[in-house]
C-alpha atoms as a PDB file:
ATOM      1  CA  MET A   1       0.000   0.000   0.000  1.00  0.00           C
ATOM      2  CA  GLN A   2       1.178   3.504  -0.853  1.00  0.00           C
ATOM      3  CA  ILE A   3       0.716   4.780   2.699  1.00  0.00           C
ATOM      4  CA  ALA A   4       3.400   2.428   4.005  1.00  0.00           C
ATOM      5  CA  GLN A   5       5.911   3.943   1.590  1.00  0.00           C
ATOM      6  CA  GLU A   6       5.089   7.551   2.518  1.00  0.00           C
ATOM      7  CA  TYR A   7       5.206   7.207   6.321  1.00  0.00           C
ATOM      8  CA  ASP A   8       7.495   5.657   8.933  1.00  0.00           C
ATOM      9  CA  ALA A   9       4.498   4.402  10.907  1.00  0.00           C
ATOM     10  CA  ILE A  10       0.718   4.401  10.974  1.00  0.00           C
ATOM     11  CA  CYS A  11      -1.000   5.331  14.242  1.00  0.00           C
ATOM     12  CA  ILE A  12      -4.529   4.144  15.008  1.00  0.00           C
ATOM     13  CA  LEU A  13      -5.938   6.038  17.989  1.00  0.00           C
ATOM     14  CA  GLY A  14      -9.308   6.492  19.603  1.00  0.00           C
ATOM     15  CA  PRO A  15     -11.213   6.365  22.884  1.00  0.00           C
ATOM     16  CA  THR A  16     -11.910   3.163  24.775  1.00  0.00           C
ATOM     17  CA  ALA A  17     -14.534   0.878  23.200  1.00  0.00           C
ATOM     18  CA  SER A  18     -14.213   2.591  19.817  1.00  0.00           C
ATOM     19  CA  GLY A  19     -13.002  -0.541  18.038  1.00  0.00           C
ATOM     20  CA  LYS A  20      -9.498   0.747  17.278  1.00  0.00           C
ATOM     21  CA  SER A  21      -7.750  -2.573  18.004  1.00  0.00           C
ATOM     22  CA  ARG A  22      -9.997  -4.448  15.610  1.00  0.00           C
ATOM     23  CA  PHE A  23      -9.453  -1.777  12.971  1.00  0.00           C
ATOM     24  CA  ALA A  24      -5.669  -1.924  13.440  1.00  0.00           C
ATOM     25  CA  VAL A  25      -5.685  -5.702  13.079  1.00  0.00           C
ATOM     26  CA  GLU A  26      -7.787  -5.521   9.921  1.00  0.00           C
ATOM     27  CA  LEU A  27      -5.419  -2.895   8.521  1.00  0.00           C
ATOM     28  CA  ALA A  28      -2.403  -5.043   9.399  1.00  0.00           C
ATOM     29  CA  ARG A  29      -3.938  -7.962   7.524  1.00  0.00           C
ATOM     30  CA  ARG A  30      -4.233  -5.790   4.414  1.00  0.00           C
ATOM     31  CA  PHE A  31      -0.452  -5.395   4.589  1.00  0.00           C
ATOM     32  CA  ASP A  32       0.017  -9.094   5.422  1.00  0.00           C
ATOM     33  CA  PRO A  33       2.591 -10.393   6.008  1.00  0.00           C
ATOM     34  CA  VAL A  34       4.572  -7.197   6.418  1.00  0.00           C
ATOM     35  CA  ALA A  35       2.760  -5.305   9.209  1.00  0.00           C
ATOM     36  CA  GLU A  36       3.128  -5.555  12.976  1.00  0.00           C
ATOM     37  CA  ILE A  37       1.257  -3.773  15.768  1.00  0.00           C
ATOM     38  CA  LEU A  38       2.942  -1.784  18.510  1.00  0.00           C
ATOM     39  CA  SER A  39       0.579  -1.187  21.432  1.00  0.00           C
ATOM     40  CA  ALA A  40       0.260   2.281  22.966  1.00  0.00           C
ATOM     41  CA  ASP A  41      -1.795   1.305  25.998  1.00  0.00           C
ATOM     42  CA  SER A  42      -0.494   2.154  29.459  1.00  0.00           C
ATOM     43  CA  ARG A  43      -2.125  -0.861  31.150  1.00  0.00           C
ATOM     44  CA  GLN A  44      -1.868  -3.621  28.569  1.00  0.00           C
ATOM     45  CA  VAL A  45       1.852  -3.789  29.354  1.00  0.00           C
ATOM     46  CA  TYR A  46       0.984  -5.791  32.498  1.00  0.00           C
ATOM     47  CA  ARG A  47       0.845  -9.570  32.581  1.00  0.00           C
ATOM     48  CA  LYS A  48      -2.261 -11.270  34.060  1.00  0.00           C
ATOM     49  CA  MET A  49      -4.277  -8.072  33.650  1.00  0.00           C
ATOM     50  CA  ASP A  50      -6.154  -9.248  30.592  1.00  0.00           C
ATOM     51  CA  ILE A  51      -9.912  -8.782  30.829  1.00  0.00           C
ATOM     52  CA  GLY A  52      -9.765  -5.467  32.684  1.00  0.00           C
ATOM     53  CA  THR A  53      -7.350  -3.921  30.190  1.00  0.00           C
ATOM     54  CA  GLY A  54      -9.228  -5.292  27.180  1.00  0.00           C
ATOM     55  CA  LYS A  55      -6.304  -7.039  25.507  1.00  0.00           C
ATOM     56  CA  ASP A  56      -8.610  -9.180  23.361  1.00  0.00           C
ATOM     57  CA  LEU A  57      -5.577 -11.027  22.030  1.00  0.00           C
ATOM     58  CA  SER A  58      -7.795 -13.491  20.186  1.00  0.00           C
ATOM     59  CA  GLU A  59      -8.551 -10.678  17.705  1.00  0.00           C
ATOM     60  CA  TYR A  60      -4.907 -10.532  16.594  1.00  0.00           C
ATOM     61  CA  GLY A  61      -4.789 -14.029  15.158  1.00  0.00           C
ATOM     62  CA  ASN A  62      -1.472 -14.339  13.306  1.00  0.00           C
ATOM     63  CA  VAL A  63      -0.762 -10.583  13.343  1.00  0.00           C
ATOM     64  CA  PRO A  64       2.433  -9.988  15.385  1.00  0.00           C
ATOM     65  CA  TYR A  65       2.171  -7.496  18.244  1.00  0.00           C
ATOM     66  CA  HIS A  66       4.557  -5.809  20.665  1.00  0.00           C
ATOM     67  CA  LEU A  67       4.531  -4.011  24.055  1.00  0.00           C
ATOM     68  CA  ILE A  68       1.775  -6.160  25.564  1.00  0.00           C
ATOM     69  CA  ASP A  69       2.563  -8.360  28.601  1.00  0.00           C
ATOM     70  CA  ILE A  70       6.034  -6.914  29.157  1.00  0.00           C
ATOM     71  CA  ALA A  71       5.802  -6.054  32.889  1.00  0.00           C
ATOM     72  CA  ASP A  72       4.576  -7.901  35.964  1.00  0.00           C
ATOM     73  CA  ALA A  73       1.343  -6.822  37.607  1.00  0.00           C
ATOM     74  CA  GLY A  74       2.308  -4.802  40.663  1.00  0.00           C
ATOM     75  CA  GLU A  75       5.102  -2.913  38.917  1.00  0.00           C
ATOM     76  CA  LYS A  76       4.844   0.834  38.366  1.00  0.00           C
ATOM     77  CA  TYR A  77       5.618   0.888  34.652  1.00  0.00           C
ATOM     78  CA  ASN A  78       6.025   4.424  33.337  1.00  0.00           C
ATOM     79  CA  ILE A  79       6.290   6.465  30.151  1.00  0.00           C
ATOM     80  CA  PHE A  80      10.085   6.662  30.409  1.00  0.00           C
ATOM     81  CA  ARG A  81      10.309   2.870  30.158  1.00  0.00           C
ATOM     82  CA  TYR A  82       7.633   2.770  27.480  1.00  0.00           C
ATOM     83  CA  GLN A  83       9.484   5.188  25.192  1.00  0.00           C
ATOM     84  CA  ARG A  84      12.600   3.033  25.344  1.00  0.00           C
ATOM     85  CA  ASP A  85      10.751  -0.267  25.009  1.00  0.00           C
ATOM     86  CA  PHE A  86       8.897   1.161  22.025  1.00  0.00           C
ATOM     87  CA  ALA A  87      12.112   2.366  20.405  1.00  0.00           C
ATOM     88  CA  ALA A  88      13.638  -1.111  20.675  1.00  0.00           C
ATOM     89  CA  ALA A  89      10.517  -2.801  19.264  1.00  0.00           C
ATOM     90  CA  TYR A  90      10.143  -0.218  16.498  1.00  0.00           C
ATOM     91  CA  ALA A  91      13.801  -0.537  15.468  1.00  0.00           C
ATOM     92  CA  ASP A  92      13.363  -4.313  15.264  1.00  0.00           C
ATOM     93  CA  VAL A  93      10.204  -4.025  13.152  1.00  0.00           C
ATOM     94  CA  LYS A  94      11.833  -1.591  10.725  1.00  0.00           C
ATOM     95  CA  LYS A  95      15.057  -3.618  10.545  1.00  0.00           C
ATOM     96  CA  ARG A  96      13.013  -6.568   9.309  1.00  0.00           C
ATOM     97  CA  GLY A  97      11.330  -4.403   6.681  1.00  0.00           C
ATOM     98  CA  LYS A  98       7.876  -4.484   8.282  1.00  0.00           C
ATOM     99  CA  THR A  99       5.230  -1.761   8.505  1.00  0.00           C
ATOM    100  CA  ALA A 100       4.730  -0.443  12.045  1.00  0.00           C
ATOM    101  CA  ILE A 101       1.133   0.147  13.132  1.00  0.00           C
ATOM    102  CA  ILE A 102       0.878   1.943  16.479  1.00  0.00           C
ATOM    103  CA  CYS A 103      -2.453   1.328  18.198  1.00  0.00           C
ATOM    104  CA  GLY A 104      -3.774   2.691  21.456  1.00  0.00           C
ATOM    105  CA  GLY A 105      -5.743   5.181  23.456  1.00  0.00           C
ATOM    106  CA  SER A 106      -3.040   6.508  25.778  1.00  0.00           C
ATOM    107  CA  GLY A 107      -2.425   9.918  24.235  1.00  0.00           C
ATOM    108  CA  LEU A 108       0.729  10.690  26.180  1.00  0.00           C
ATOM    109  CA  TYR A 109       2.258   7.332  25.264  1.00  0.00           C
ATOM    110  CA  ILE A 110       1.440   7.977  21.606  1.00  0.00           C
ATOM    111  CA  GLU A 111       2.932  11.461  21.633  1.00  0.00           C
ATOM    112  CA  SER A 112       6.041  10.330  23.509  1.00  0.00           C
ATOM    113  CA  VAL A 113       7.013   8.067  20.612  1.00  0.00           C
ATOM    114  CA  THR A 114       5.618   9.955  17.627  1.00  0.00           C
ATOM    115  CA  ARG A 115       6.710  13.437  18.704  1.00  0.00           C
ATOM    116  CA  GLY A 116      10.065  12.411  20.159  1.00  0.00           C
ATOM    117  CA  TYR A 117       9.648  13.932  23.617  1.00  0.00           C
ATOM    118  CA  PHE A 118      12.823  13.923  25.666  1.00  0.00           C
ATOM    119  CA  LEU A 119      12.206  11.912  28.803  1.00  0.00           C
ATOM    120  CA  HIS A 120      14.418  10.943  31.711  1.00  0.00           C
ATOM    121  CA  ASP A 121      13.923   8.568  34.627  1.00  0.00           C
ATOM    122  CA  VAL A 122      13.632  11.257  37.314  1.00  0.00           C
ATOM    123  CA  LYS A 123      13.117   9.921  40.825  1.00  0.00           C
ATOM    124  CA  PRO A 124      10.674  11.700  43.203  1.00  0.00           C
ATOM    125  CA  ASP A 125      12.198  14.545  45.230  1.00  0.00           C
ATOM    126  CA  ILE A 126      10.111  14.460  48.407  1.00  0.00           C
ATOM    127  CA  GLU A 127      11.745  17.534  49.929  1.00  0.00           C
ATOM    128  CA  LEU A 128      11.070  19.584  46.798  1.00  0.00           C
ATOM    129  CA  ARG A 129       7.494  18.317  46.572  1.00  0.00           C
ATOM    130  CA  ASN A 130       6.770  19.272  50.161  1.00  0.00           C
ATOM    131  CA  SER A 131       8.180  22.780  49.625  1.00  0.00           C
ATOM    132  CA  LEU A 132       6.016  23.319  46.515  1.00  0.00           C
ATOM    133  CA  GLU A 133       2.781  21.888  47.864  1.00  0.00           C
ATOM    134  CA  LYS A 134       1.815  25.162  49.539  1.00  0.00           C
ATOM    135  CA  GLU A 135       2.138  27.148  46.286  1.00  0.00           C
ATOM    136  CA  SER A 136      -0.849  27.979  44.088  1.00  0.00           C
ATOM    137  CA  LEU A 137      -1.181  26.466  40.625  1.00  0.00           C
ATOM    138  CA  GLU A 138      -0.490  29.857  39.034  1.00  0.00           C
ATOM    139  CA  ARG A 139       2.689  30.241  41.072  1.00  0.00           C
ATOM    140  CA  LEU A 140       3.803  26.720  40.099  1.00  0.00           C
ATOM    141  CA  LYS A 141       3.262  27.580  36.429  1.00  0.00           C
ATOM    142  CA  GLN A 142       5.428  30.670  36.873  1.00  0.00           C
ATOM    143  CA  ILE A 143       8.211  28.663  38.540  1.00  0.00           C
ATOM    144  CA  LEU A 144       8.147  26.079  35.761  1.00  0.00           C
ATOM    145  CA  ARG A 145       8.184  28.732  33.060  1.00  0.00           C
ATOM    146  CA  GLN A 146      11.196  30.439  34.652  1.00  0.00           C
ATOM    147  CA  LEU A 147      13.096  27.161  34.939  1.00  0.00           C
ATOM    148  CA  LYS A 148      12.453  26.316  31.304  1.00  0.00           C
ATOM    149  CA  GLU A 149      13.427  29.786  30.121  1.00  0.00           C
ATOM    150  CA  ARG A 150      16.790  29.400  31.809  1.00  0.00           C
ATOM    151  CA  ARG A 151      17.446  26.303  29.704  1.00  0.00           C
ATOM    152  CA  GLY A 152      15.915  27.766  26.562  1.00  0.00           C
ATOM    153  CA  ALA A 153      13.135  25.187  26.682  1.00  0.00           C
ATOM    154  CA  LYS A 154       9.391  25.565  26.231  1.00  0.00           C
ATOM    155  CA  LEU A 155       6.318  23.855  27.575  1.00  0.00           C
ATOM    156  CA  HIS A 156       5.446  21.237  24.967  1.00  0.00           C
ATOM    157  CA  ASN A 157       2.000  20.532  26.362  1.00  0.00           C
ATOM    158  CA  ASN A 158      -0.348  22.556  28.564  1.00  0.00           C
ATOM    159  CA  THR A 159      -1.482  19.361  30.269  1.00  0.00           C
ATOM    160  CA  ASP A 160       1.879  19.461  32.095  1.00  0.00           C
ATOM    161  CA  VAL A 161       0.393  22.132  34.331  1.00  0.00           C
ATOM    162  CA  ASP A 162      -3.352  21.536  34.423  1.00  0.00           C
ATOM    163  CA  THR A 163      -3.179  20.393  38.061  1.00  0.00           C
ATOM    164  CA  LYS A 164      -0.834  21.126  40.970  1.00  0.00           C
ATOM    165  CA  LYS A 165       0.334  17.506  41.016  1.00  0.00           C
ATOM    166  CA  ARG A 166       1.344  17.644  37.343  1.00  0.00           C
ATOM    167  CA  ALA A 167       2.935  21.068  37.705  1.00  0.00           C
ATOM    168  CA  ILE A 168       5.027  19.936  40.672  1.00  0.00           C
ATOM    169  CA  ARG A 169       6.164  16.842  38.770  1.00  0.00           C
ATOM    170  CA  ALA A 170       7.080  19.015  35.763  1.00  0.00           C
ATOM    171  CA  ILE A 171       9.143  21.308  38.032  1.00  0.00           C
ATOM    172  CA  GLU A 172      10.812  18.250  39.557  1.00  0.00           C
ATOM    173  CA  ILE A 173      11.833  17.000  36.103  1.00  0.00           C
ATOM    174  CA  GLU A 174      12.946  20.442  34.934  1.00  0.00           C
ATOM    175  CA  LYS A 175      15.162  21.001  37.984  1.00  0.00           C
ATOM    176  CA  PHE A 176      16.715  17.574  37.488  1.00  0.00           C
ATOM    177  CA  ALA A 177      17.353  18.333  33.809  1.00  0.00           C
ATOM    178  CA  ALA A 178      19.027  21.633  34.641  1.00  0.00           C
ATOM    179  CA  GLU A 179      21.203  20.155  37.382  1.00  0.00           C
ATOM    180  CA  HIS A 180      22.308  17.236  35.206  1.00  0.00           C
ATOM    181  CA  GLU A 181      22.613  19.204  31.952  1.00  0.00           C
ATOM    182  CA  LEU A 182      20.129  16.994  30.152  1.00  0.00           C
ATOM    183  CA  ASN A 183      19.806  19.048  27.003  1.00  0.00           C
ATOM    184  CA  VAL A 184      20.468  16.428  24.353  1.00  0.00           C
ATOM    185  CA  LYS A 185      17.961  13.777  23.300  1.00  0.00           C
ATOM    186  CA  GLU A 186      19.025  10.169  23.547  1.00  0.00           C
ATOM    187  CA  ASN A 187      19.640   8.381  20.292  1.00  0.00           C
ATOM    188  CA  LEU A 188      16.336   6.517  20.205  1.00  0.00           C
ATOM    189  CA  THR A 189      14.929   5.056  17.012  1.00  0.00           C
ATOM    190  CA  LEU A 190      11.476   6.625  16.732  1.00  0.00           C
ATOM    191  CA  PRO A 191       9.229   7.290  13.730  1.00  0.00           C
ATOM    192  CA  GLN A 192       9.714  10.728  12.194  1.00  0.00           C
ATOM    193  CA  LYS A 193       6.723  10.810   9.841  1.00  0.00           C
ATOM    194  CA  VAL A 194       3.486   9.312  11.148  1.00  0.00           C
ATOM    195  CA  CYS A 195       0.058   8.913   9.563  1.00  0.00           C
ATOM    196  CA  TYR A 196      -2.564   9.363  12.302  1.00  0.00           C
ATOM    197  CA  MET A 197      -6.002   7.769  11.943  1.00  0.00           C
ATOM    198  CA  GLY A 198      -8.637   8.308  14.635  1.00  0.00           C
ATOM    199  CA  ILE A 199     -11.626   6.061  15.231  1.00  0.00           C
ATOM    200  CA  GLU A 200     -14.634   8.325  15.710  1.00  0.00           C
ATOM    201  CA  VAL A 201     -17.752   7.306  17.628  1.00  0.00           C
ATOM    202  CA  ASP A 202     -20.490   9.714  18.750  1.00  0.00           C
ATOM    203  CA  ARG A 203     -20.875  10.078  22.503  1.00  0.00           C
ATOM    204  CA  GLU A 204     -24.182   8.220  22.829  1.00  0.00           C
ATOM    205  CA  GLU A 205     -22.954   5.229  20.829  1.00  0.00           C
ATOM    206  CA  ARG A 206     -19.621   5.254  22.650  1.00  0.00           C
ATOM    207  CA  ASN A 207     -21.327   5.125  26.052  1.00  0.00           C
ATOM    208  CA  ARG A 208     -23.602   2.327  24.847  1.00  0.00           C
ATOM    209  CA  ARG A 209     -20.590   0.298  23.741  1.00  0.00           C
ATOM    210  CA  ILE A 210     -18.806   0.970  27.031  1.00  0.00           C
ATOM    211  CA  ASP A 211     -21.782  -0.253  29.063  1.00  0.00           C
ATOM    212  CA  GLU A 212     -22.252  -3.314  26.865  1.00  0.00           C
ATOM    213  CA  ARG A 213     -18.573  -4.187  27.029  1.00  0.00           C
ATOM    214  CA  LEU A 214     -18.442  -3.692  30.796  1.00  0.00           C
ATOM    215  CA  HIS A 215     -21.228  -6.203  31.403  1.00  0.00           C
ATOM    216  CA  ARG A 216     -19.655  -8.642  28.949  1.00  0.00           C
ATOM    217  CA  ARG A 217     -16.324  -8.461  30.726  1.00  0.00           C
ATOM    218  CA  LEU A 218     -17.958  -8.965  34.096  1.00  0.00           C
ATOM    219  CA  ASP A 219     -19.620 -12.087  32.684  1.00  0.00           C
ATOM    220  CA  GLU A 220     -16.245 -13.228  31.329  1.00  0.00           C
ATOM    221  CA  GLY A 221     -14.693 -13.156  34.805  1.00  0.00           C
ATOM    222  CA  MET A 222     -13.248  -9.707  35.363  1.00  0.00           C
ATOM    223  CA  VAL A 223     -14.023  -9.793  39.108  1.00  0.00           C
ATOM    224  CA  GLU A 224     -12.339 -13.185  39.344  1.00  0.00           C
ATOM    225  CA  GLU A 225      -9.301 -11.797  37.518  1.00  0.00           C
ATOM    226  CA  VAL A 226      -8.880  -9.037  40.094  1.00  0.00           C
ATOM    227  CA  LYS A 227      -9.416 -11.496  42.959  1.00  0.00           C
ATOM    228  CA  ALA A 228      -6.748 -13.776  41.515  1.00  0.00           C
ATOM    229  CA  LEU A 229      -4.309 -10.857  41.454  1.00  0.00           C
ATOM    230  CA  MET A 230      -5.088 -10.127  45.098  1.00  0.00           C
ATOM    231  CA  ASP A 231      -4.664 -13.799  45.986  1.00  0.00           C
ATOM    232  CA  SER A 232      -1.270 -13.785  44.251  1.00  0.00           C
ATOM    233  CA  GLY A 233      -0.034 -11.148  46.699  1.00  0.00           C
ATOM    234  CA  LEU A 234      -0.918  -7.802  45.141  1.00  0.00           C
ATOM    235  CA  SER A 235      -2.275  -5.382  47.720  1.00  0.00           C
ATOM    236  CA  ALA A 236      -5.505  -3.461  47.361  1.00  0.00           C
ATOM    237  CA  GLU A 237      -3.374  -0.311  47.095  1.00  0.00           C
ATOM    238  CA  ASP A 238      -1.410  -1.819  44.191  1.00  0.00           C
ATOM    239  CA  LEU A 239      -4.591  -2.622  42.279  1.00  0.00           C
ATOM    240  CA  ILE A 240      -6.341   0.668  43.000  1.00  0.00           C
ATOM    241  CA  TYR A 241      -3.269   2.402  41.527  1.00  0.00           C
ATOM    242  CA  TYR A 242      -4.187   0.989  38.090  1.00  0.00           C
ATOM    243  CA  GLY A 243      -7.542   2.758  38.139  1.00  0.00           C
ATOM    244  CA  LEU A 244     -10.904   2.091  36.486  1.00  0.00           C
ATOM    245  CA  GLU A 245     -11.779  -1.633  36.488  1.00  0.00           C
ATOM    246  CA  TYR A 246      -9.033  -2.566  38.942  1.00  0.00           C
ATOM    247  CA  LYS A 247      -9.848   0.283  41.302  1.00  0.00           C
ATOM    248  CA  PHE A 248     -13.602  -0.232  41.518  1.00  0.00           C
ATOM    249  CA  ILE A 249     -13.565  -4.028  41.562  1.00  0.00           C
ATOM    250  CA  THR A 250     -10.939  -3.952  44.304  1.00  0.00           C
ATOM    251  CA  LEU A 251     -13.128  -1.583  46.344  1.00  0.00           C
ATOM    252  CA  TYR A 252     -15.976  -4.054  45.879  1.00  0.00           C
ATOM    253  CA  LEU A 253     -13.823  -7.034  46.891  1.00  0.00           C
ATOM    254  CA  ILE A 254     -12.603  -5.375  50.087  1.00  0.00           C
ATOM    255  CA  GLY A 255     -16.150  -4.430  51.041  1.00  0.00           C
ATOM    256  CA  LYS A 256     -16.020  -0.695  50.381  1.00  0.00           C
ATOM    257  CA  MET A 257     -19.036  -0.815  48.034  1.00  0.00           C
ATOM    258  CA  GLY A 258     -21.719  -3.213  46.873  1.00  0.00           C
ATOM    259  CA  TYR A 259     -21.751  -4.942  43.508  1.00  0.00           C
ATOM    260  CA  GLY A 260     -24.448  -2.744  41.966  1.00  0.00           C
ATOM    261  CA  GLU A 261     -22.773   0.444  43.165  1.00  0.00           C
ATOM    262  CA  MET A 262     -19.449  -0.797  41.815  1.00  0.00           C
ATOM    263  CA  VAL A 263     -20.874  -1.442  38.346  1.00  0.00           C
ATOM    264  CA  GLU A 264     -22.671   1.900  38.239  1.00  0.00           C
ATOM    265  CA  LYS A 265     -19.685   3.962  39.382  1.00  0.00           C
ATOM    266  CA  LEU A 266     -17.290   2.064  37.147  1.00  0.00           C
ATOM    267  CA  ALA A 267     -19.453   2.722  34.085  1.00  0.00           C
ATOM    268  CA  VAL A 268     -19.525   6.448  34.864  1.00  0.00           C
ATOM    269  CA  ALA A 269     -15.751   6.476  35.392  1.00  0.00           C
ATOM    270  CA  ILE A 270     -15.134   4.799  32.023  1.00  0.00           C
ATOM    271  CA  HIS A 271     -17.464   7.273  30.287  1.00  0.00           C
ATOM    272  CA  GLN A 272     -15.462  10.126  31.823  1.00  0.00           C
ATOM    273  CA  PHE A 273     -12.198   8.468  30.862  1.00  0.00           C
ATOM    274  CA  ALA A 274     -13.294   8.189  27.212  1.00  0.00           C
ATOM    275  CA  LYS A 275     -14.214  11.863  27.245  1.00  0.00           C
ATOM    276  CA  ARG A 276     -10.752  12.771  28.559  1.00  0.00           C
ATOM    277  CA  GLN A 277      -9.165  10.671  25.836  1.00  0.00           C
ATOM    278  CA  MET A 278     -11.048  12.593  23.157  1.00  0.00           C
ATOM    279  CA  THR A 279     -10.056  15.891  24.797  1.00  0.00           C
ATOM    280  CA  TRP A 280      -6.421  14.805  24.549  1.00  0.00           C
ATOM    281  CA  PHE A 281      -6.744  13.858  20.876  1.00  0.00           C
ATOM    282  CA  ARG A 282      -8.402  17.192  20.053  1.00  0.00           C
ATOM    283  CA  GLY A 283      -5.504  18.828  21.851  1.00  0.00           C
ATOM    284  CA  MET A 284      -3.100  16.982  19.570  1.00  0.00           C
ATOM    285  CA  GLU A 285      -4.931  18.480  16.601  1.00  0.00           C
ATOM    286  CA  ARG A 286      -4.655  21.968  18.079  1.00  0.00           C
ATOM    287  CA  LYS A 287      -0.898  21.450  18.235  1.00  0.00           C
ATOM    288  CA  GLY A 288      -0.836  20.781  14.517  1.00  0.00           C
ATOM    289  CA  ILE A 289      -1.108  16.986  14.360  1.00  0.00           C
ATOM    290  CA  GLU A 290      -3.365  15.979  11.477  1.00  0.00           C
ATOM    291  CA  ILE A 291      -5.693  13.120  12.379  1.00  0.00           C
ATOM    292  CA  GLU A 292      -7.918  11.515   9.765  1.00  0.00           C
ATOM    293  CA  TRP A 293     -11.095  10.555  11.620  1.00  0.00           C
ATOM    294  CA  ILE A 294     -12.866   7.385  10.508  1.00  0.00           C
ATOM    295  CA  LYS A 295     -16.309   6.175  11.531  1.00  0.00           C
ATOM    296  CA  ILE A 296     -16.648   2.414  11.833  1.00  0.00           C
END
């Protein structure tokens, strides 16, 4: 296909329950046997977290995929590791002459590998965090702006400072960068020219699909999956950290809410999550990223 010759990678993005994975697999089969999928999902990296993260690996068939099941449940996998794991997988795919199809709904993960953001494994600075906690969000923005100006850097994304927690983390990273003279990007193999395709679903239909999928996954054993993770030694705190399905089912299992309340609140949380995903993608467009939206 012509598109594979014009671009370094194809990116299929969209909100949860939009059908993007199925679309990516179908697209990969059109390239068969020269296309492979690189996941851009922040939770599908974890082993034994299958139903709750919606891996649906049976859909892939013989289509090769990467960046799924690469970390143990209980780990705190992060975007720094993802960018480097992606670079290694992408370099391997390209070395073998295959077409790379990026697929996922984690906007920050997508941008980290298609926009080449410079990331570093910055450890938490508790003393700094405590000193900044008393500052207002506006003051934190000012501090961050001043730090970046000193290095000749700019804010690449306003979401860095949309909450105090994010602003403090951004300051933490910026101070570390300045102190360690981290001005040069690592030599990572990342796509330079990407074709973005977005799977578009109207809000009412999207919410219907979310609700339908939620009940299907509960019937398939999602509660039992979370219980098995707890029985294997993961704490309630560990599971709640992963959010959405793992958070609410854990709260149900430890007796913090009833089953009906859990299902209702989880559905609302997933609806809100999908809305935030779309807000992120629209933000990508405002930054100049061209996304071709497709209704399926």
